[in-house]
Amino acid sequence: MNIVEISKILSNQTRVDILKWLKDPEANFPPHQDIDHFDDGVCVGFIQDKTGLSQSTISTYLNSMQNARLVIPTRHGKWTYYKRNDDVIQAYMKSLKEEL
């Protein structure tokens, strides 16, 4: 895990908001029409709608978060769903506490 890389990603309020929203997707996003659960995360379209940002911006944000392993993508047909990677988030927080 790279503390600096993750810290750079978390220096953007929208990316922090996305992780907060994904912590409790049922409370922060409408129900999926094609899947009746959030086990695989939240559809990119819902994340985009909630942020009000362009699809390309959200894709860039989610890609950087995926590369840092903060989120886990799952494909369902043509849609990609994202959920938090709580193991990496906890390891990051532990590393910050131990190293700083």
PDB file of N, CA and C in Angstrom:
ATOM      1  N   MET A   1       0.834  -1.172   0.000  1.00  0.00           N
ATOM      2  CA  MET A   1       0.000   0.000   0.000  1.00  0.00           C
ATOM      3  C   MET A   1       0.884   1.241   0.000  1.00  0.00           C
ATOM      4  N   ASN A   2       0.488   2.225  -0.769  1.00  0.00           N
ATOM      5  CA  ASN A   2       1.232   3.461  -0.878  1.00  0.00           C
ATOM      6  C   ASN A   2       0.450   4.580  -0.190  1.00  0.00           C
ATOM      7  N   ILE A   3       0.932   4.987   0.980  1.00  0.00           N
ATOM      8  CA  ILE A   3       0.236   6.014   1.760  1.00  0.00           C
ATOM      9  C   ILE A   3       0.119   7.315   0.984  1.00  0.00           C
ATOM     10  N   VAL A   4       1.185   7.703   0.284  1.00  0.00           N
ATOM     11  CA  VAL A   4       1.167   8.970  -0.451  1.00  0.00           C
ATOM     12  C   VAL A   4       0.142   8.917  -1.582  1.00  0.00           C
ATOM     13  N   GLU A   5       0.117   7.814  -2.321  1.00  0.00           N
ATOM     14  CA  GLU A   5      -0.849   7.676  -3.422  1.00  0.00           C
ATOM     15  C   GLU A   5      -2.283   7.766  -2.910  1.00  0.00           C
ATOM     16  N   ILE A   6      -2.578   7.041  -1.847  1.00  0.00           N
ATOM     17  CA  ILE A   6      -3.933   7.061  -1.297  1.00  0.00           C
ATOM     18  C   ILE A   6      -4.256   8.446  -0.734  1.00  0.00           C
ATOM     19  N   SER A   7      -3.303   9.082  -0.085  1.00  0.00           N
ATOM     20  CA  SER A   7      -3.530  10.423   0.463  1.00  0.00           C
ATOM     21  C   SER A   7      -3.837  11.421  -0.646  1.00  0.00           C
ATOM     22  N   LYS A   8      -3.163  11.303  -1.781  1.00  0.00           N
ATOM     23  CA  LYS A   8      -3.458  12.188  -2.913  1.00  0.00           C
ATOM     24  C   LYS A   8      -4.888  11.981  -3.398  1.00  0.00           C
ATOM     25  N   ILE A   9      -5.312  10.745  -3.486  1.00  0.00           N
ATOM     26  CA  ILE A   9      -6.680  10.451  -3.916  1.00  0.00           C
ATOM     27  C   ILE A   9      -7.681  11.036  -2.926  1.00  0.00           C
ATOM     28  N   LEU A  10      -7.379  10.921  -1.642  1.00  0.00           N
ATOM     29  CA  LEU A  10      -8.293  11.404  -0.607  1.00  0.00           C
ATOM     30  C   LEU A  10      -8.213  12.913  -0.402  1.00  0.00           C
ATOM     31  N   SER A  11      -7.357  13.590  -1.156  1.00  0.00           N
ATOM     32  CA  SER A  11      -7.277  15.051  -1.049  1.00  0.00           C
ATOM     33  C   SER A  11      -8.371  15.737  -1.856  1.00  0.00           C
ATOM     34  N   ASN A  12      -9.209  14.953  -2.514  1.00  0.00           N
ATOM     35  CA  ASN A  12     -10.322  15.477  -3.309  1.00  0.00           C
ATOM     36  C   ASN A  12     -11.627  15.173  -2.571  1.00  0.00           C
ATOM     37  N   GLN A  13     -12.408  16.214  -2.283  1.00  0.00           N
ATOM     38  CA  GLN A  13     -13.625  16.050  -1.483  1.00  0.00           C
ATOM     39  C   GLN A  13     -14.631  15.105  -2.135  1.00  0.00           C
ATOM     40  N   THR A  14     -14.769  15.156  -3.445  1.00  0.00           N
ATOM     41  CA  THR A  14     -15.730  14.269  -4.113  1.00  0.00           C
ATOM     42  C   THR A  14     -15.336  12.811  -3.946  1.00  0.00           C
ATOM     43  N   ARG A  15     -14.052  12.502  -4.065  1.00  0.00           N
ATOM     44  CA  ARG A  15     -13.619  11.106  -3.884  1.00  0.00           C
ATOM     45  C   ARG A  15     -13.840  10.652  -2.445  1.00  0.00           C
ATOM     46  N   VAL A  16     -13.624  11.532  -1.486  1.00  0.00           N
ATOM     47  CA  VAL A  16     -13.916  11.197  -0.085  1.00  0.00           C
ATOM     48  C   VAL A  16     -15.417  10.978   0.077  1.00  0.00           C
ATOM     49  N   ASP A  17     -16.224  11.852  -0.525  1.00  0.00           N
ATOM     50  CA  ASP A  17     -17.680  11.681  -0.460  1.00  0.00           C
ATOM     51  C   ASP A  17     -18.107  10.337  -1.040  1.00  0.00           C
ATOM     52  N   ILE A  18     -17.535   9.950  -2.157  1.00  0.00           N
ATOM     53  CA  ILE A  18     -17.884   8.665  -2.781  1.00  0.00           C
ATOM     54  C   ILE A  18     -17.622   7.527  -1.807  1.00  0.00           C
ATOM     55  N   LEU A  19     -16.470   7.541  -1.152  1.00  0.00           N
ATOM     56  CA  LEU A  19     -16.166   6.473  -0.183  1.00  0.00           C
ATOM     57  C   LEU A  19     -17.137   6.504   0.991  1.00  0.00           C
ATOM     58  N   LYS A  20     -17.502   7.705   1.444  1.00  0.00           N
ATOM     59  CA  LYS A  20     -18.484   7.811   2.543  1.00  0.00           C
ATOM     60  C   LYS A  20     -19.830   7.249   2.095  1.00  0.00           C
ATOM     61  N   TRP A  21     -20.273   7.626   0.896  1.00  0.00           N
ATOM     62  CA  TRP A  21     -21.562   7.141   0.400  1.00  0.00           C
ATOM     63  C   TRP A  21     -21.561   5.626   0.233  1.00  0.00           C
ATOM     64  N   LEU A  22     -20.437   5.079  -0.229  1.00  0.00           N
ATOM     65  CA  LEU A  22     -20.354   3.632  -0.440  1.00  0.00           C
ATOM     66  C   LEU A  22     -20.300   2.861   0.868  1.00  0.00           C
ATOM     67  N   LYS A  23     -20.019   3.545   1.958  1.00  0.00           N
ATOM     68  CA  LYS A  23     -20.015   2.880   3.268  1.00  0.00           C
ATOM     69  C   LYS A  23     -21.415   2.399   3.630  1.00  0.00           C
ATOM     70  N   ASP A  24     -22.432   3.159   3.214  1.00  0.00           N
ATOM     71  CA  ASP A  24     -23.827   2.800   3.472  1.00  0.00           C
ATOM     72  C   ASP A  24     -24.648   3.059   2.209  1.00  0.00           C
ATOM     73  N   PRO A  25     -24.494   2.206   1.195  1.00  0.00           N
ATOM     74  CA  PRO A  25     -25.143   2.477  -0.094  1.00  0.00           C
ATOM     75  C   PRO A  25     -26.668   2.515  -0.023  1.00  0.00           C
ATOM     76  N   GLU A  26     -27.264   1.705   0.842  1.00  0.00           N
ATOM     77  CA  GLU A  26     -28.723   1.693   0.940  1.00  0.00           C
ATOM     78  C   GLU A  26     -29.267   3.057   1.364  1.00  0.00           C
ATOM     79  N   ALA A  27     -28.522   3.772   2.199  1.00  0.00           N
ATOM     80  CA  ALA A  27     -28.968   5.073   2.687  1.00  0.00           C
ATOM     81  C   ALA A  27     -28.646   6.209   1.714  1.00  0.00           C
ATOM     82  N   ASN A  28     -27.713   5.969   0.797  1.00  0.00           N
ATOM     83  CA  ASN A  28     -27.225   7.049  -0.055  1.00  0.00           C
ATOM     84  C   ASN A  28     -27.589   6.955  -1.533  1.00  0.00           C
ATOM     85  N   PHE A  29     -28.119   5.816  -1.951  1.00  0.00           N
ATOM     86  CA  PHE A  29     -28.434   5.622  -3.369  1.00  0.00           C
ATOM     87  C   PHE A  29     -29.798   4.965  -3.520  1.00  0.00           C
ATOM     88  N   PRO A  30     -30.463   5.229  -4.648  1.00  0.00           N
ATOM     89  CA  PRO A  30     -31.753   4.565  -4.879  1.00  0.00           C
ATOM     90  C   PRO A  30     -31.546   3.075  -5.157  1.00  0.00           C
ATOM     91  N   PRO A  31     -32.578   2.274  -4.985  1.00  0.00           N
ATOM     92  CA  PRO A  31     -32.445   0.837  -5.275  1.00  0.00           C
ATOM     93  C   PRO A  31     -32.138   0.607  -6.751  1.00  0.00           C
ATOM     94  N   HIS A  32     -31.366  -0.429  -7.017  1.00  0.00           N
ATOM     95  CA  HIS A  32     -31.084  -0.813  -8.399  1.00  0.00           C
ATOM     96  C   HIS A  32     -32.337  -1.433  -9.005  1.00  0.00           C
ATOM     97  N   GLN A  33     -32.530  -1.197 -10.282  1.00  0.00           N
ATOM     98  CA  GLN A  33     -33.699  -1.781 -10.943  1.00  0.00           C
ATOM     99  C   GLN A  33     -33.445  -3.221 -11.370  1.00  0.00           C
ATOM    100  N   ASP A  34     -32.207  -3.519 -11.779  1.00  0.00           N
ATOM    101  CA  ASP A  34     -31.913  -4.850 -12.308  1.00  0.00           C
ATOM    102  C   ASP A  34     -31.344  -5.800 -11.269  1.00  0.00           C
ATOM    103  N   ILE A  35     -30.872  -5.264 -10.151  1.00  0.00           N
ATOM    104  CA  ILE A  35     -30.310  -6.090  -9.075  1.00  0.00           C
ATOM    105  C   ILE A  35     -30.934  -5.587  -7.776  1.00  0.00           C
ATOM    106  N   ASP A  36     -31.423  -6.500  -6.954  1.00  0.00           N
ATOM    107  CA  ASP A  36     -32.156  -6.066  -5.763  1.00  0.00           C
ATOM    108  C   ASP A  36     -31.289  -5.993  -4.504  1.00  0.00           C
ATOM    109  N   HIS A  37     -29.982  -5.774  -4.678  1.00  0.00           N
ATOM    110  CA  HIS A  37     -29.088  -5.663  -3.528  1.00  0.00           C
ATOM    111  C   HIS A  37     -27.894  -4.779  -3.901  1.00  0.00           C
ATOM    112  N   PHE A  38     -27.112  -4.429  -2.891  1.00  0.00           N
ATOM    113  CA  PHE A  38     -25.898  -3.647  -3.096  1.00  0.00           C
ATOM    114  C   PHE A  38     -24.650  -4.474  -2.808  1.00  0.00           C
ATOM    115  N   ASP A  39     -24.764  -5.801  -2.832  1.00  0.00           N
ATOM    116  CA  ASP A  39     -23.633  -6.661  -2.500  1.00  0.00           C
ATOM    117  C   ASP A  39     -22.420  -6.386  -3.379  1.00  0.00           C
ATOM    118  N   ASP A  40     -22.640  -6.066  -4.635  1.00  0.00           N
ATOM    119  CA  ASP A  40     -21.534  -5.786  -5.552  1.00  0.00           C
ATOM    120  C   ASP A  40     -21.250  -4.296  -5.670  1.00  0.00           C
ATOM    121  N   GLY A  41     -21.935  -3.489  -4.880  1.00  0.00           N
ATOM    122  CA  GLY A  41     -21.687  -2.056  -4.885  1.00  0.00           C
ATOM    123  C   GLY A  41     -22.785  -1.281  -5.574  1.00  0.00           C
ATOM    124  N   VAL A  42     -22.377  -0.113  -6.083  1.00  0.00           N
ATOM    125  CA  VAL A  42     -23.307   0.853  -6.657  1.00  0.00           C
ATOM    126  C   VAL A  42     -22.934   1.112  -8.110  1.00  0.00           C
ATOM    127  N   CYS A  43     -23.937   1.205  -8.961  1.00  0.00           N
ATOM    128  CA  CYS A  43     -23.737   1.478 -10.379  1.00  0.00           C
ATOM    129  C   CYS A  43     -23.090   2.859 -10.555  1.00  0.00           C
ATOM    130  N   VAL A  44     -22.173   2.947 -11.501  1.00  0.00           N
ATOM    131  CA  VAL A  44     -21.480   4.208 -11.783  1.00  0.00           C
ATOM    132  C   VAL A  44     -22.469   5.343 -12.043  1.00  0.00           C
ATOM    133  N   GLY A  45     -23.551   5.056 -12.732  1.00  0.00           N
ATOM    134  CA  GLY A  45     -24.540   6.084 -13.042  1.00  0.00           C
ATOM    135  C   GLY A  45     -25.123   6.726 -11.796  1.00  0.00           C
ATOM    136  N   PHE A  46     -25.359   5.925 -10.756  1.00  0.00           N
ATOM    137  CA  PHE A  46     -25.886   6.467  -9.506  1.00  0.00           C
ATOM    138  C   PHE A  46     -24.856   7.384  -8.842  1.00  0.00           C
ATOM    139  N   ILE A  47     -23.591   6.967  -8.886  1.00  0.00           N
ATOM    140  CA  ILE A  47     -22.515   7.780  -8.304  1.00  0.00           C
ATOM    141  C   ILE A  47     -22.412   9.097  -9.066  1.00  0.00           C
ATOM    142  N   GLN A  48     -22.451   9.009 -10.383  1.00  0.00           N
ATOM    143  CA  GLN A  48     -22.383  10.216 -11.212  1.00  0.00           C
ATOM    144  C   GLN A  48     -23.547  11.152 -10.902  1.00  0.00           C
ATOM    145  N   ASP A  49     -24.752  10.606 -10.838  1.00  0.00           N
ATOM    146  CA  ASP A  49     -25.931  11.431 -10.555  1.00  0.00           C
ATOM    147  C   ASP A  49     -25.806  12.151  -9.210  1.00  0.00           C
ATOM    148  N   LYS A  50     -25.308  11.448  -8.210  1.00  0.00           N
ATOM    149  CA  LYS A  50     -25.205  12.033  -6.869  1.00  0.00           C
ATOM    150  C   LYS A  50     -24.155  13.145  -6.825  1.00  0.00           C
ATOM    151  N   THR A  51     -23.084  12.993  -7.585  1.00  0.00           N
ATOM    152  CA  THR A  51     -22.034  14.022  -7.579  1.00  0.00           C
ATOM    153  C   THR A  51     -22.401  15.214  -8.444  1.00  0.00           C
ATOM    154  N   GLY A  52     -23.177  14.971  -9.505  1.00  0.00           N
ATOM    155  CA  GLY A  52     -23.496  16.036 -10.451  1.00  0.00           C
ATOM    156  C   GLY A  52     -22.352  16.327 -11.415  1.00  0.00           C
ATOM    157  N   LEU A  53     -21.336  15.490 -11.407  1.00  0.00           N
ATOM    158  CA  LEU A  53     -20.183  15.680 -12.285  1.00  0.00           C
ATOM    159  C   LEU A  53     -20.344  14.852 -13.565  1.00  0.00           C
ATOM    160  N   SER A  54     -19.501  15.116 -14.544  1.00  0.00           N
ATOM    161  CA  SER A  54     -19.592  14.408 -15.822  1.00  0.00           C
ATOM    162  C   SER A  54     -19.180  12.943 -15.670  1.00  0.00           C
ATOM    163  N   GLN A  55     -19.654  12.136 -16.605  1.00  0.00           N
ATOM    164  CA  GLN A  55     -19.320  10.714 -16.612  1.00  0.00           C
ATOM    165  C   GLN A  55     -17.813  10.521 -16.716  1.00  0.00           C
ATOM    166  N   SER A  56     -17.147  11.316 -17.539  1.00  0.00           N
ATOM    167  CA  SER A  56     -15.704  11.152 -17.709  1.00  0.00           C
ATOM    168  C   SER A  56     -14.946  11.493 -16.423  1.00  0.00           C
ATOM    169  N   THR A  57     -15.402  12.508 -15.701  1.00  0.00           N
ATOM    170  CA  THR A  57     -14.754  12.871 -14.432  1.00  0.00           C
ATOM    171  C   THR A  57     -14.924  11.757 -13.412  1.00  0.00           C
ATOM    172  N   ILE A  58     -16.136  11.236 -13.284  1.00  0.00           N
ATOM    173  CA  ILE A  58     -16.386  10.157 -12.323  1.00  0.00           C
ATOM    174  C   ILE A  58     -15.601   8.907 -12.711  1.00  0.00           C
ATOM    175  N   SER A  59     -15.533   8.597 -14.001  1.00  0.00           N
ATOM    176  CA  SER A  59     -14.746   7.436 -14.447  1.00  0.00           C
ATOM    177  C   SER A  59     -13.273   7.602 -14.077  1.00  0.00           C
ATOM    178  N   THR A  60     -12.751   8.813 -14.249  1.00  0.00           N
ATOM    179  CA  THR A  60     -11.357   9.085 -13.880  1.00  0.00           C
ATOM    180  C   THR A  60     -11.168   8.916 -12.380  1.00  0.00           C
ATOM    181  N   TYR A  61     -12.091   9.470 -11.591  1.00  0.00           N
ATOM    182  CA  TYR A  61     -12.002   9.337 -10.138  1.00  0.00           C
ATOM    183  C   TYR A  61     -12.044   7.867  -9.713  1.00  0.00           C
ATOM    184  N   LEU A  62     -13.013   7.130 -10.240  1.00  0.00           N
ATOM    185  CA  LEU A  62     -13.160   5.728  -9.853  1.00  0.00           C
ATOM    186  C   LEU A  62     -11.973   4.891 -10.320  1.00  0.00           C
ATOM    187  N   ASN A  63     -11.421   5.229 -11.474  1.00  0.00           N
ATOM    188  CA  ASN A  63     -10.250   4.506 -11.967  1.00  0.00           C
ATOM    189  C   ASN A  63      -9.058   4.710 -11.031  1.00  0.00           C
ATOM    190  N   SER A  64      -8.833   5.932 -10.594  1.00  0.00           N
ATOM    191  CA  SER A  64      -7.720   6.181  -9.676  1.00  0.00           C
ATOM    192  C   SER A  64      -7.965   5.488  -8.334  1.00  0.00           C
ATOM    193  N   MET A  65      -9.206   5.486  -7.878  1.00  0.00           N
ATOM    194  CA  MET A  65      -9.539   4.805  -6.628  1.00  0.00           C
ATOM    195  C   MET A  65      -9.380   3.296  -6.770  1.00  0.00           C
ATOM    196  N   GLN A  66      -9.718   2.772  -7.941  1.00  0.00           N
ATOM    197  CA  GLN A  66      -9.548   1.340  -8.202  1.00  0.00           C
ATOM    198  C   GLN A  66      -8.067   0.982  -8.250  1.00  0.00           C
ATOM    199  N   ASN A  67      -7.258   1.808  -8.905  1.00  0.00           N
ATOM    200  CA  ASN A  67      -5.819   1.542  -8.990  1.00  0.00           C
ATOM    201  C   ASN A  67      -5.165   1.528  -7.618  1.00  0.00           C
ATOM    202  N   ALA A  68      -5.688   2.325  -6.692  1.00  0.00           N
ATOM    203  CA  ALA A  68      -5.175   2.350  -5.322  1.00  0.00           C
ATOM    204  C   ALA A  68      -5.848   1.289  -4.451  1.00  0.00           C
ATOM    205  N   ARG A  69      -6.774   0.527  -5.054  1.00  0.00           N
ATOM    206  CA  ARG A  69      -7.485  -0.564  -4.408  1.00  0.00           C
ATOM    207  C   ARG A  69      -8.454  -0.084  -3.321  1.00  0.00           C
ATOM    208  N   LEU A  70      -8.879   1.188  -3.399  1.00  0.00           N
ATOM    209  CA  LEU A  70      -9.850   1.709  -2.446  1.00  0.00           C
ATOM    210  C   LEU A  70     -11.263   1.240  -2.757  1.00  0.00           C
ATOM    211  N   VAL A  71     -11.514   0.904  -4.021  1.00  0.00           N
ATOM    212  CA  VAL A  71     -12.813   0.386  -4.440  1.00  0.00           C
ATOM    213  C   VAL A  71     -12.605  -0.885  -5.258  1.00  0.00           C
ATOM    214  N   ILE A  72     -13.644  -1.704  -5.266  1.00  0.00           N
ATOM    215  CA  ILE A  72     -13.619  -2.968  -5.998  1.00  0.00           C
ATOM    216  C   ILE A  72     -14.722  -2.922  -7.059  1.00  0.00           C
ATOM    217  N   PRO A  73     -14.340  -3.064  -8.343  1.00  0.00           N
ATOM    218  CA  PRO A  73     -15.352  -3.057  -9.397  1.00  0.00           C
ATOM    219  C   PRO A  73     -15.902  -4.457  -9.663  1.00  0.00           C
ATOM    220  N   THR A  74     -17.169  -4.512 -10.037  1.00  0.00           N
ATOM    221  CA  THR A  74     -17.805  -5.757 -10.473  1.00  0.00           C
ATOM    222  C   THR A  74     -18.658  -5.429 -11.690  1.00  0.00           C
ATOM    223  N   ARG A  75     -18.497  -6.215 -12.750  1.00  0.00           N
ATOM    224  CA  ARG A  75     -19.286  -6.007 -13.970  1.00  0.00           C
ATOM    225  C   ARG A  75     -20.556  -6.844 -13.924  1.00  0.00           C
ATOM    226  N   HIS A  76     -21.642  -6.215 -14.339  1.00  0.00           N
ATOM    227  CA  HIS A  76     -22.918  -6.901 -14.571  1.00  0.00           C
ATOM    228  C   HIS A  76     -23.368  -6.459 -15.952  1.00  0.00           C
ATOM    229  N   GLY A  77     -23.124  -7.290 -16.954  1.00  0.00           N
ATOM    230  CA  GLY A  77     -23.451  -6.912 -18.322  1.00  0.00           C
ATOM    231  C   GLY A  77     -22.628  -5.715 -18.741  1.00  0.00           C
ATOM    232  N   LYS A  78     -23.297  -4.661 -19.153  1.00  0.00           N
ATOM    233  CA  LYS A  78     -22.570  -3.471 -19.599  1.00  0.00           C
ATOM    234  C   LYS A  78     -22.319  -2.481 -18.462  1.00  0.00           C
ATOM    235  N   TRP A  79     -22.786  -2.784 -17.256  1.00  0.00           N
ATOM    236  CA  TRP A  79     -22.666  -1.867 -16.127  1.00  0.00           C
ATOM    237  C   TRP A  79     -21.561  -2.308 -15.178  1.00  0.00           C
ATOM    238  N   THR A  80     -20.879  -1.336 -14.600  1.00  0.00           N
ATOM    239  CA  THR A  80     -19.880  -1.603 -13.579  1.00  0.00           C
ATOM    240  C   THR A  80     -20.387  -1.047 -12.254  1.00  0.00           C
ATOM    241  N   TYR A  81     -20.265  -1.853 -11.227  1.00  0.00           N
ATOM    242  CA  TYR A  81     -20.664  -1.493  -9.879  1.00  0.00           C
ATOM    243  C   TYR A  81     -19.413  -1.394  -9.014  1.00  0.00           C
ATOM    244  N   TYR A  82     -19.413  -0.446  -8.102  1.00  0.00           N
ATOM    245  CA  TYR A  82     -18.261  -0.238  -7.231  1.00  0.00           C
ATOM    246  C   TYR A  82     -18.666  -0.332  -5.772  1.00  0.00           C
ATOM    247  N   LYS A  83     -17.805  -0.988  -4.986  1.00  0.00           N
ATOM    248  CA  LYS A  83     -17.984  -1.006  -3.534  1.00  0.00           C
ATOM    249  C   LYS A  83     -16.650  -0.675  -2.879  1.00  0.00           C
ATOM    250  N   ARG A  84     -16.722  -0.253  -1.640  1.00  0.00           N
ATOM    251  CA  ARG A  84     -15.518   0.076  -0.880  1.00  0.00           C
ATOM    252  C   ARG A  84     -14.690  -1.168  -0.627  1.00  0.00           C
ATOM    253  N   ASN A  85     -13.387  -0.979  -0.570  1.00  0.00           N
ATOM    254  CA  ASN A  85     -12.495  -2.044  -0.148  1.00  0.00           C
ATOM    255  C   ASN A  85     -12.080  -1.701   1.278  1.00  0.00           C
ATOM    256  N   ASP A  86     -12.896  -2.125   2.230  1.00  0.00           N
ATOM    257  CA  ASP A  86     -12.674  -1.751   3.621  1.00  0.00           C
ATOM    258  C   ASP A  86     -11.356  -2.268   4.175  1.00  0.00           C
ATOM    259  N   ASP A  87     -10.868  -3.388   3.656  1.00  0.00           N
ATOM    260  CA  ASP A  87      -9.574  -3.901   4.125  1.00  0.00           C
ATOM    261  C   ASP A  87      -8.455  -2.915   3.817  1.00  0.00           C
ATOM    262  N   VAL A  88      -8.439  -2.375   2.617  1.00  0.00           N
ATOM    263  CA  VAL A  88      -7.399  -1.411   2.231  1.00  0.00           C
ATOM    264  C   VAL A  88      -7.575  -0.106   3.003  1.00  0.00           C
ATOM    265  N   ILE A  89      -8.800   0.334   3.181  1.00  0.00           N
ATOM    266  CA  ILE A  89      -9.050   1.571   3.930  1.00  0.00           C
ATOM    267  C   ILE A  89      -8.564   1.421   5.371  1.00  0.00           C
ATOM    268  N   GLN A  90      -8.860   0.296   5.998  1.00  0.00           N
ATOM    269  CA  GLN A  90      -8.397   0.065   7.373  1.00  0.00           C
ATOM    270  C   GLN A  90      -6.871  -0.035   7.443  1.00  0.00           C
ATOM    271  N   ALA A  91      -6.263  -0.687   6.464  1.00  0.00           N
ATOM    272  CA  ALA A  91      -4.794  -0.789   6.441  1.00  0.00           C
ATOM    273  C   ALA A  91      -4.158   0.585   6.272  1.00  0.00           C
ATOM    274  N   TYR A  92      -4.765   1.419   5.436  1.00  0.00           N
ATOM    275  CA  TYR A  92      -4.277   2.793   5.246  1.00  0.00           C
ATOM    276  C   TYR A  92      -4.343   3.565   6.563  1.00  0.00           C
ATOM    277  N   MET A  93      -5.471   3.485   7.235  1.00  0.00           N
ATOM    278  CA  MET A  93      -5.632   4.199   8.499  1.00  0.00           C
ATOM    279  C   MET A  93      -4.644   3.685   9.551  1.00  0.00           C
ATOM    280  N   LYS A  94      -4.435   2.398   9.576  1.00  0.00           N
ATOM    281  CA  LYS A  94      -3.478   1.812  10.524  1.00  0.00           C
ATOM    282  C   LYS A  94      -2.061   2.292  10.210  1.00  0.00           C
ATOM    283  N   SER A  95      -1.713   2.317   8.931  1.00  0.00           N
ATOM    284  CA  SER A  95      -0.382   2.775   8.539  1.00  0.00           C
ATOM    285  C   SER A  95      -0.161   4.233   8.904  1.00  0.00           C
ATOM    286  N   LEU A  96      -1.184   5.067   8.696  1.00  0.00           N
ATOM    287  CA  LEU A  96      -1.076   6.476   9.097  1.00  0.00           C
ATOM    288  C   LEU A  96      -0.818   6.592  10.594  1.00  0.00           C
ATOM    289  N   LYS A  97      -1.557   5.837  11.365  1.00  0.00           N
ATOM    290  CA  LYS A  97      -1.424   5.899  12.818  1.00  0.00           C
ATOM    291  C   LYS A  97      -0.034   5.443  13.259  1.00  0.00           C
ATOM    292  N   GLU A  98       0.480   4.391  12.632  1.00  0.00           N
ATOM    293  CA  GLU A  98       1.769   3.840  13.028  1.00  0.00           C
ATOM    294  C   GLU A  98       2.945   4.671  12.534  1.00  0.00           C
ATOM    295  N   GLU A  99       2.826   5.251  11.348  1.00  0.00           N
ATOM    296  CA  GLU A  99       3.952   5.928  10.734  1.00  0.00           C
ATOM    297  C   GLU A  99       4.038   7.415  11.049  1.00  0.00           C
ATOM    298  N   LEU A 100       2.922   8.021  11.426  1.00  0.00           N
ATOM    299  CA  LEU A 100       2.955   9.470  11.671  1.00  0.00           C
ATOM    300  C   LEU A 100       2.861   9.796  13.153  1.00  0.00           C
TER     301      LEU A 100
END
